Amino acid sequence: MINVHSYESMGTFDGPGLRLVVFLQGCNFRCKYCANPDTITLKGGKPTEVEEIVRMALSQKAFFGKKGGITFSGGEPTLQAKELIPLFRRLREEGIHICLDSNGGNMNDDVKELLSLTDLVLLDIKEFNPDHHMILTERSNAQTLSTAAYLEEIKRPMWLRYVLVPGYSDFEEDIIAMCEHFKSYSMIKRIEILPYHTLGKHKYEALKKPYLLEEVKENTPAQLEHAQELFSRYFPEVYVN
């Protein structure tokens, strides 16, 4: 059984083309800006059979075209890697393109097998500087960077995604250091800069939890353009999503 939080049909922001996005329950990071705080706890969600998700994907396959498919997001999907493996195998049998949106902070044999069945990994780099990453997520980024290296090793295509949070992840020196670290990676096909937003703020109120970035303003166009320019010095495909 897969523990599903929710679905989004015809998504256009989580991988190429039109996609069915499956949000899974449970996350190992504690990002201060998390837009889906209701997905963090392992409890909750709806236990769902593999074939139910396969049927849903097949019902939308006609809309996927050549580029679209299904994306697993969260939460953190790799926390359910063992359960997802048979689902990914079934989706591959049906010729459905699979994206995995992951923070890269979880690795074991099941995750490795899951990655081998994935067509494209959307790897979320929260911050490159380890101290800044800890402040932003309460977790280390060491495994995330190791996961990127592993994806490069097994020749698995990835898009790097970077949320630009003013005062937390918009440091020029950190972005440049990150680019220097990844500049030789042939499997990085695209960089996506995700603007910081407060669309999930109301969820914290509903959960009676404090929103920790109350003082942070959304990005200005100039901030986004500057980050895009920095990444574009190293990578040919850089987009503000």
Protein backbone atom coordinates (compact mmCIF):
# COMPACT_ATOMS: atom_id res chain seq x y z
CA MET A 1 0.00 0.00 0.00
CA ILE A 2 1.14 3.53 -0.84
CA ASN A 3 0.33 6.23 1.72
CA VAL A 4 -1.00 9.06 -0.48
CA HIS A 5 -1.69 12.57 0.74
CA SER A 6 -3.31 13.99 -2.40
CA TYR A 7 -3.24 14.21 -6.21
CA GLU A 8 -2.96 16.95 -8.81
CA SER A 9 -4.11 16.27 -12.36
CA MET A 10 -2.62 18.06 -15.36
CA GLY A 11 0.26 19.51 -13.35
CA THR A 12 2.73 21.62 -15.31
CA PHE A 13 5.35 22.50 -12.68
CA ASP A 14 6.69 19.09 -11.62
CA GLY A 15 8.53 17.70 -14.60
CA PRO A 16 8.14 17.88 -18.38
CA GLY A 17 4.75 18.10 -20.07
CA LEU A 18 1.39 17.52 -18.43
CA ARG A 19 1.61 15.25 -15.40
CA LEU A 20 -0.36 13.46 -12.77
CA VAL A 21 1.31 14.50 -9.51
CA VAL A 22 1.01 12.13 -6.54
CA PHE A 23 1.83 13.76 -3.20
CA LEU A 24 2.94 11.18 -0.66
CA GLN A 25 2.72 11.38 3.11
CA GLY A 26 5.79 11.77 5.32
CA CYS A 27 9.01 13.79 5.13
CA ASN A 28 12.43 13.59 6.77
CA PHE A 29 13.23 17.31 6.36
CA ARG A 30 11.78 20.24 8.31
CA CYS A 31 12.04 23.07 5.78
CA LYS A 32 11.02 26.39 7.27
CA TYR A 33 9.19 27.36 4.07
CA CYS A 34 7.42 24.02 3.50
CA ALA A 35 4.23 24.66 1.52
CA ASN A 36 2.76 21.30 2.52
CA PRO A 37 3.29 21.01 6.30
CA ASP A 38 0.36 18.59 6.45
CA THR A 39 2.47 16.05 4.52
CA ILE A 40 5.38 16.04 7.00
CA THR A 41 4.07 13.56 9.57
CA LEU A 42 4.16 9.89 8.64
CA LYS A 43 0.67 9.53 10.06
CA GLY A 44 -2.31 10.49 7.96
CA GLY A 45 -2.75 10.11 4.23
CA LYS A 46 -4.80 7.46 2.49
CA PRO A 47 -3.45 3.90 2.07
CA THR A 48 -3.77 3.21 -1.65
CA GLU A 49 -3.32 0.07 -3.72
CA VAL A 50 -0.70 0.06 -6.48
CA GLU A 51 -3.28 -0.75 -9.16
CA GLU A 52 -5.48 2.17 -8.13
CA ILE A 53 -2.67 4.59 -8.95
CA VAL A 54 -1.88 2.70 -12.17
CA ARG A 55 -5.54 2.99 -13.24
CA MET A 56 -5.52 6.71 -12.50
CA ALA A 57 -2.35 7.20 -14.56
CA LEU A 58 -3.74 5.17 -17.46
CA SER A 59 -6.97 7.19 -17.45
CA GLN A 60 -4.89 10.34 -18.00
CA LYS A 61 -2.24 8.85 -20.30
CA ALA A 62 -3.86 10.30 -23.43
CA PHE A 63 -3.19 13.80 -22.10
CA PHE A 64 0.47 13.15 -21.27
CA GLY A 65 1.64 13.25 -24.89
CA LYS A 66 5.29 12.54 -25.60
CA LYS A 67 6.71 14.51 -22.66
CA GLY A 68 4.24 14.07 -19.79
CA GLY A 69 3.70 11.33 -17.27
CA ILE A 70 3.47 10.86 -13.51
CA THR A 71 5.44 12.62 -10.77
CA PHE A 72 5.79 11.45 -7.19
CA SER A 73 6.29 14.29 -4.75
CA GLY A 74 5.52 14.83 -1.10
CA GLY A 75 6.47 14.88 1.57
CA GLU A 76 9.47 12.77 0.62
CA PRO A 77 8.64 9.83 -1.68
CA THR A 78 11.79 7.82 -0.94
CA LEU A 79 10.52 7.17 2.60
CA GLN A 80 8.10 4.76 0.86
CA ALA A 81 10.67 3.39 -1.60
CA LYS A 82 9.98 -0.27 -0.81
CA GLU A 83 6.26 0.18 -1.44
CA LEU A 84 6.83 2.27 -4.57
CA ILE A 85 9.10 -0.24 -6.34
CA PRO A 86 6.26 -2.51 -7.59
CA LEU A 87 4.26 0.57 -8.61
CA PHE A 88 7.16 1.98 -10.63
CA ARG A 89 7.60 -1.40 -12.33
CA ARG A 90 3.93 -1.43 -13.32
CA LEU A 91 4.07 2.13 -14.63
CA ARG A 92 7.11 1.27 -16.74
CA GLU A 93 5.24 -1.74 -18.16
CA GLU A 94 2.52 0.70 -19.25
CA GLY A 95 5.05 3.04 -20.87
CA ILE A 96 4.40 5.93 -18.47
CA HIS A 97 7.23 8.40 -17.85
CA ILE A 98 8.13 8.61 -14.14
CA CYS A 99 9.53 11.62 -12.28
CA LEU A 100 10.63 11.49 -8.65
CA ASP A 101 10.72 14.79 -6.76
CA SER A 102 13.11 14.20 -3.87
CA ASN A 103 15.23 16.05 -1.34
CA GLY A 104 17.85 13.31 -1.79
CA GLY A 105 18.24 12.94 1.97
CA ASN A 106 17.42 9.24 2.16
CA MET A 107 19.46 6.37 0.72
CA ASN A 108 19.31 2.59 1.07
CA ASP A 109 19.02 -0.42 -1.24
CA ASP A 110 15.31 0.19 -1.82
CA VAL A 111 15.95 3.81 -2.78
CA LYS A 112 18.69 2.71 -5.17
CA GLU A 113 16.32 0.28 -6.86
CA LEU A 114 13.63 2.98 -7.02
CA LEU A 115 16.05 5.40 -8.66
CA SER A 116 16.96 2.76 -11.24
CA LEU A 117 13.26 2.63 -12.22
CA THR A 118 12.91 6.42 -12.41
CA ASP A 119 13.15 8.29 -15.72
CA LEU A 120 13.91 11.72 -14.27
CA VAL A 121 14.81 12.86 -10.75
CA LEU A 122 13.80 16.34 -9.64
CA LEU A 123 16.47 16.79 -6.98
CA ASP A 124 15.73 19.56 -4.50
CA ILE A 125 18.89 21.28 -3.30
CA LYS A 126 17.75 23.39 -0.36
CA GLU A 127 21.12 25.10 0.22
CA PHE A 128 24.70 24.21 -0.65
CA ASN A 129 26.38 25.66 2.44
CA PRO A 130 25.95 23.01 5.18
CA ASP A 131 25.39 25.54 7.96
CA HIS A 132 22.79 27.46 5.98
CA HIS A 133 21.15 24.17 5.00
CA MET A 134 20.87 23.17 8.67
CA ILE A 135 19.25 26.49 9.54
CA LEU A 136 16.74 26.15 6.71
CA THR A 137 15.85 22.46 7.05
CA GLU A 138 17.13 21.25 10.47
CA ARG A 139 18.94 18.51 8.55
CA SER A 140 22.35 17.93 6.95
CA ASN A 141 22.76 18.22 3.17
CA ALA A 142 25.54 15.60 3.04
CA GLN A 143 23.27 12.80 1.82
CA THR A 144 21.60 15.06 -0.73
CA LEU A 145 24.98 15.81 -2.31
CA SER A 146 25.88 12.10 -2.18
CA THR A 147 22.59 11.27 -3.91
CA ALA A 148 23.42 13.72 -6.69
CA ALA A 149 26.81 12.02 -7.11
CA TYR A 150 25.10 8.62 -7.19
CA LEU A 151 22.66 9.77 -9.89
CA GLU A 152 25.61 11.01 -11.93
CA GLU A 153 27.33 7.66 -11.44
CA ILE A 154 24.34 5.58 -12.60
CA LYS A 155 23.62 8.00 -15.46
CA ARG A 156 20.17 8.96 -14.25
CA PRO A 157 18.96 12.33 -15.65
CA MET A 158 18.13 14.99 -13.07
CA TRP A 159 16.85 18.51 -12.79
CA LEU A 160 18.20 20.49 -9.87
CA ARG A 161 15.56 22.58 -8.11
CA TYR A 162 16.47 25.48 -5.85
CA VAL A 163 14.00 27.50 -3.79
CA LEU A 164 15.28 31.06 -3.54
CA VAL A 165 14.44 32.22 -0.01
CA PRO A 166 15.54 35.80 0.74
CA GLY A 167 18.00 35.81 3.62
CA TYR A 168 18.19 32.01 3.74
CA SER A 169 19.22 30.59 0.34
CA ASP A 170 19.92 33.62 -1.86
CA PHE A 171 23.57 34.04 -0.88
CA GLU A 172 25.60 34.65 -4.03
CA GLU A 173 28.67 32.83 -2.70
CA ASP A 174 26.61 29.71 -1.91
CA ILE A 175 25.03 29.61 -5.36
CA ILE A 176 28.42 30.01 -7.02
CA ALA A 177 29.93 27.29 -4.79
CA MET A 178 27.05 24.99 -5.71
CA CYS A 179 27.56 25.66 -9.42
CA GLU A 180 31.29 24.99 -9.11
CA HIS A 181 30.53 21.70 -7.36
CA PHE A 182 28.09 20.51 -10.03
CA LYS A 183 29.52 22.09 -13.18
CA SER A 184 31.04 18.83 -14.49
CA TYR A 185 27.88 16.75 -13.98
CA SER A 186 26.63 15.53 -17.37
CA MET A 187 23.32 14.20 -15.96
CA ILE A 188 22.10 17.62 -14.81
CA LYS A 189 19.79 18.56 -17.66
CA ARG A 190 18.14 21.65 -16.20
CA ILE A 191 18.21 24.06 -13.29
CA GLU A 192 14.89 25.28 -11.90
CA ILE A 193 14.80 28.29 -9.61
CA LEU A 194 11.62 28.15 -7.55
CA PRO A 195 10.51 31.52 -6.17
CA TYR A 196 9.76 31.62 -2.46
CA HIS A 197 6.04 31.97 -1.75
CA THR A 198 3.68 31.91 1.21
CA LEU A 199 0.82 29.99 -0.42
CA GLY A 200 0.97 27.32 2.28
CA LYS A 201 0.89 29.76 5.18
CA HIS A 202 -2.81 29.16 5.88
CA LYS A 203 -2.05 25.48 6.45
CA TYR A 204 0.12 26.36 9.45
CA GLU A 205 -2.77 28.32 10.92
CA ALA A 206 -5.07 25.34 10.40
CA LEU A 207 -2.53 23.05 12.05
CA LYS A 208 -2.03 25.60 14.87
CA LYS A 209 1.69 25.75 14.13
CA PRO A 210 3.82 28.90 13.84
CA TYR A 211 4.94 29.97 10.38
CA LEU A 212 8.67 30.53 10.93
CA LEU A 213 9.35 32.83 7.97
CA GLU A 214 6.76 35.46 8.84
CA GLU A 215 9.24 38.26 8.19
CA VAL A 216 10.44 37.01 4.79
CA LYS A 217 9.16 38.84 1.71
CA GLU A 218 8.60 37.12 -1.62
CA ASN A 219 11.33 37.50 -4.25
CA THR A 220 11.60 40.63 -6.32
CA PRO A 221 12.05 40.20 -10.08
CA ALA A 222 15.60 41.54 -9.68
CA GLN A 223 16.47 38.84 -7.12
CA LEU A 224 15.20 36.10 -9.40
CA GLU A 225 16.99 37.53 -12.43
CA HIS A 226 20.26 37.73 -10.50
CA ALA A 227 20.03 34.11 -9.36
CA GLN A 228 19.22 33.03 -12.91
CA GLU A 229 22.24 34.93 -14.19
CA LEU A 230 24.51 33.22 -11.64
CA PHE A 231 23.32 29.73 -12.56
CA SER A 232 23.45 30.55 -16.28
CA ARG A 233 27.20 31.13 -16.03
CA TYR A 234 27.54 27.37 -15.52
CA PHE A 235 24.45 25.69 -16.98
CA PRO A 236 22.73 26.24 -20.36
CA GLU A 237 19.20 25.39 -19.21
CA VAL A 238 18.16 27.63 -16.31
CA TYR A 239 14.52 28.53 -15.67
CA VAL A 240 12.51 30.39 -13.08
CA ASN A 241 9.59 28.05 -12.44
